[in-house]
Amino acid sequence: MSAETNVVWGTGKRKCSVARVRLRTGQGEVVVNTRTLDDYFGRETSRMIVNQPFEVTATQGQFRAEVNVYGGGVAAQAVAIRHGITRALLQLNPEYRPVLKKAGVV
């Protein structure tokens, strides 16, 4: 994280979906296109996909993710967000790579 802003960026893609993720310290909330994660994704499966990088790195509840996602369908958007969160976490700590790779999100 940059010291002056405490923000890490990650861009994730899947099919036609593109997600720009801004990760900062927080209480574990994920905001997608100015809506809460539960409000944006109706399916529990999509919410689980989005939270997967936090679960495998044991960082759930430590960051606030602000996401802007567009294009594609709902499932592809969830995977694009997961990819963006993964890339932001790798910028934050490259030692997460083996764990994330084993989980199949890298």
C-alpha atoms as a PDB file:
ATOM      1  CA  MET A   1       0.000   0.000   0.000  1.00  0.00           C
ATOM      2  CA  SER A   2       1.233   3.428  -0.783  1.00  0.00           C
ATOM      3  CA  ALA A   3       1.914   5.302   2.443  1.00  0.00           C
ATOM      4  CA  GLU A   4       0.251   8.568   1.484  1.00  0.00           C
ATOM      5  CA  THR A   5      -3.000   7.113   0.218  1.00  0.00           C
ATOM      6  CA  ASN A   6      -3.219   3.577   1.702  1.00  0.00           C
ATOM      7  CA  VAL A   7      -4.744   2.342  -1.559  1.00  0.00           C
ATOM      8  CA  VAL A   8      -3.838  -0.575  -3.826  1.00  0.00           C
ATOM      9  CA  TRP A   9      -5.379  -0.995  -7.289  1.00  0.00           C
ATOM     10  CA  GLY A  10      -6.071  -4.186  -9.198  1.00  0.00           C
ATOM     11  CA  THR A  11      -7.744  -4.765 -12.557  1.00  0.00           C
ATOM     12  CA  GLY A  12      -9.497  -8.039 -13.234  1.00  0.00           C
ATOM     13  CA  LYS A  13     -10.955  -9.382 -16.468  1.00  0.00           C
ATOM     14  CA  ARG A  14     -13.144 -12.293 -17.504  1.00  0.00           C
ATOM     15  CA  LYS A  15     -14.709 -12.622 -20.961  1.00  0.00           C
ATOM     16  CA  CYS A  16     -16.172  -9.148 -21.625  1.00  0.00           C
ATOM     17  CA  SER A  17     -16.247  -8.076 -17.959  1.00  0.00           C
ATOM     18  CA  VAL A  18     -13.704  -5.637 -16.563  1.00  0.00           C
ATOM     19  CA  ALA A  19     -13.421  -4.835 -12.859  1.00  0.00           C
ATOM     20  CA  ARG A  20     -11.335  -2.067 -11.356  1.00  0.00           C
ATOM     21  CA  VAL A  21     -10.736  -2.774  -7.674  1.00  0.00           C
ATOM     22  CA  ARG A  22      -9.488  -0.287  -5.106  1.00  0.00           C
ATOM     23  CA  LEU A  23      -8.341  -1.984  -1.891  1.00  0.00           C
ATOM     24  CA  ARG A  24      -7.786  -0.054   1.333  1.00  0.00           C
ATOM     25  CA  THR A  25      -7.761  -0.900   5.015  1.00  0.00           C
ATOM     26  CA  GLY A  26     -11.242  -1.325   6.395  1.00  0.00           C
ATOM     27  CA  GLN A  27     -13.747  -3.651   8.018  1.00  0.00           C
ATOM     28  CA  GLY A  28     -14.260  -6.164   5.205  1.00  0.00           C
ATOM     29  CA  GLU A  29     -16.953  -4.407   3.206  1.00  0.00           C
ATOM     30  CA  VAL A  30     -17.129  -4.824  -0.572  1.00  0.00           C
ATOM     31  CA  VAL A  31     -18.873  -2.078  -2.552  1.00  0.00           C
ATOM     32  CA  VAL A  32     -19.714  -2.874  -6.179  1.00  0.00           C
ATOM     33  CA  ASN A  33     -20.840   0.025  -8.376  1.00  0.00           C
ATOM     34  CA  THR A  34     -21.849   2.008  -5.241  1.00  0.00           C
ATOM     35  CA  ARG A  35     -23.989  -0.910  -3.960  1.00  0.00           C
ATOM     36  CA  THR A  36     -23.223  -3.453  -1.263  1.00  0.00           C
ATOM     37  CA  LEU A  37     -22.071  -6.894  -2.325  1.00  0.00           C
ATOM     38  CA  ASP A  38     -25.304  -8.501  -1.085  1.00  0.00           C
ATOM     39  CA  ASP A  39     -27.361  -5.938  -2.963  1.00  0.00           C
ATOM     40  CA  TYR A  40     -25.430  -6.258  -6.229  1.00  0.00           C
ATOM     41  CA  PHE A  41     -25.164 -10.057  -6.397  1.00  0.00           C
ATOM     42  CA  GLY A  42     -28.352 -11.944  -5.610  1.00  0.00           C
ATOM     43  CA  ARG A  43     -26.718 -15.366  -5.699  1.00  0.00           C
ATOM     44  CA  GLU A  44     -24.701 -16.626  -2.779  1.00  0.00           C
ATOM     45  CA  THR A  45     -22.356 -18.352  -5.247  1.00  0.00           C
ATOM     46  CA  SER A  46     -21.329 -15.030  -6.780  1.00  0.00           C
ATOM     47  CA  ARG A  47     -20.659 -13.551  -3.354  1.00  0.00           C
ATOM     48  CA  MET A  48     -18.523 -16.564  -2.426  1.00  0.00           C
ATOM     49  CA  ILE A  49     -16.506 -16.172  -5.637  1.00  0.00           C
ATOM     50  CA  VAL A  50     -15.829 -12.501  -4.851  1.00  0.00           C
ATOM     51  CA  ASN A  51     -14.709 -13.244  -1.264  1.00  0.00           C
ATOM     52  CA  GLN A  52     -12.507 -16.236  -2.161  1.00  0.00           C
ATOM     53  CA  PRO A  53      -9.152 -14.339  -2.319  1.00  0.00           C
ATOM     54  CA  PHE A  54      -9.747 -12.917   1.170  1.00  0.00           C
ATOM     55  CA  GLU A  55     -10.616 -16.348   2.573  1.00  0.00           C
ATOM     56  CA  VAL A  56      -7.589 -18.212   1.208  1.00  0.00           C
ATOM     57  CA  THR A  57      -5.150 -15.491   2.350  1.00  0.00           C
ATOM     58  CA  ALA A  58      -6.823 -15.163   5.785  1.00  0.00           C
ATOM     59  CA  THR A  59      -7.344 -11.419   5.257  1.00  0.00           C
ATOM     60  CA  GLN A  60     -11.137 -11.375   5.501  1.00  0.00           C
ATOM     61  CA  GLY A  61     -12.360  -8.344   7.416  1.00  0.00           C
ATOM     62  CA  GLN A  62      -9.118  -6.390   6.997  1.00  0.00           C
ATOM     63  CA  PHE A  63      -9.811  -4.482   3.769  1.00  0.00           C
ATOM     64  CA  ARG A  64     -12.482  -2.398   2.099  1.00  0.00           C
ATOM     65  CA  ALA A  65     -12.848  -3.142  -1.604  1.00  0.00           C
ATOM     66  CA  GLU A  66     -14.423  -0.509  -3.824  1.00  0.00           C
ATOM     67  CA  VAL A  67     -15.201  -2.011  -7.213  1.00  0.00           C
ATOM     68  CA  ASN A  68     -16.295  -0.584 -10.546  1.00  0.00           C
ATOM     69  CA  VAL A  69     -17.335  -3.394 -12.880  1.00  0.00           C
ATOM     70  CA  TYR A  70     -18.956  -3.371 -16.297  1.00  0.00           C
ATOM     71  CA  GLY A  71     -19.646  -5.639 -19.252  1.00  0.00           C
ATOM     72  CA  GLY A  72     -20.528  -9.303 -19.491  1.00  0.00           C
ATOM     73  CA  GLY A  73     -22.916 -11.258 -17.333  1.00  0.00           C
ATOM     74  CA  VAL A  74     -23.278 -11.602 -13.597  1.00  0.00           C
ATOM     75  CA  ALA A  75     -21.056 -14.679 -13.262  1.00  0.00           C
ATOM     76  CA  ALA A  76     -18.280 -13.190 -15.390  1.00  0.00           C
ATOM     77  CA  GLN A  77     -18.425  -9.969 -13.362  1.00  0.00           C
ATOM     78  CA  ALA A  78     -17.988 -11.938 -10.129  1.00  0.00           C
ATOM     79  CA  VAL A  79     -14.915 -13.721 -11.526  1.00  0.00           C
ATOM     80  CA  ALA A  80     -13.506 -10.415 -12.844  1.00  0.00           C
ATOM     81  CA  ILE A  81     -13.882  -8.880  -9.377  1.00  0.00           C
ATOM     82  CA  ARG A  82     -12.152 -11.899  -7.832  1.00  0.00           C
ATOM     83  CA  HIS A  83      -9.295 -11.474 -10.317  1.00  0.00           C
ATOM     84  CA  GLY A  84      -8.968  -7.763  -9.477  1.00  0.00           C
ATOM     85  CA  ILE A  85      -8.946  -8.425  -5.731  1.00  0.00           C
ATOM     86  CA  THR A  86      -6.311 -11.119  -6.251  1.00  0.00           C
ATOM     87  CA  ARG A  87      -4.057  -8.773  -8.210  1.00  0.00           C
ATOM     88  CA  ALA A  88      -4.423  -6.047  -5.586  1.00  0.00           C
ATOM     89  CA  LEU A  89      -3.570  -8.496  -2.790  1.00  0.00           C
ATOM     90  CA  LEU A  90      -0.482  -9.636  -4.723  1.00  0.00           C
ATOM     91  CA  GLN A  91       0.687  -6.008  -4.979  1.00  0.00           C
ATOM     92  CA  LEU A  92       0.194  -5.711  -1.256  1.00  0.00           C
ATOM     93  CA  ASN A  93       2.069  -8.916  -0.383  1.00  0.00           C
ATOM     94  CA  PRO A  94       3.742 -11.087  -3.071  1.00  0.00           C
ATOM     95  CA  GLU A  95       3.988 -13.940  -0.545  1.00  0.00           C
ATOM     96  CA  TYR A  96       0.261 -14.609  -1.069  1.00  0.00           C
ATOM     97  CA  ARG A  97       1.004 -15.935  -4.562  1.00  0.00           C
ATOM     98  CA  PRO A  98       1.504 -19.656  -3.734  1.00  0.00           C
ATOM     99  CA  VAL A  99      -1.689 -19.799  -1.675  1.00  0.00           C
ATOM    100  CA  LEU A 100      -3.726 -17.961  -4.316  1.00  0.00           C
ATOM    101  CA  LYS A 101      -2.252 -20.078  -7.100  1.00  0.00           C
ATOM    102  CA  LYS A 102      -3.121 -23.285  -5.269  1.00  0.00           C
ATOM    103  CA  ALA A 103      -6.710 -22.031  -4.890  1.00  0.00           C
ATOM    104  CA  GLY A 104      -6.811 -21.380  -8.638  1.00  0.00           C
ATOM    105  CA  VAL A 105      -7.470 -17.638  -8.552  1.00  0.00           C
ATOM    106  CA  VAL A 106      -4.175 -16.442 -10.042  1.00  0.00           C
END
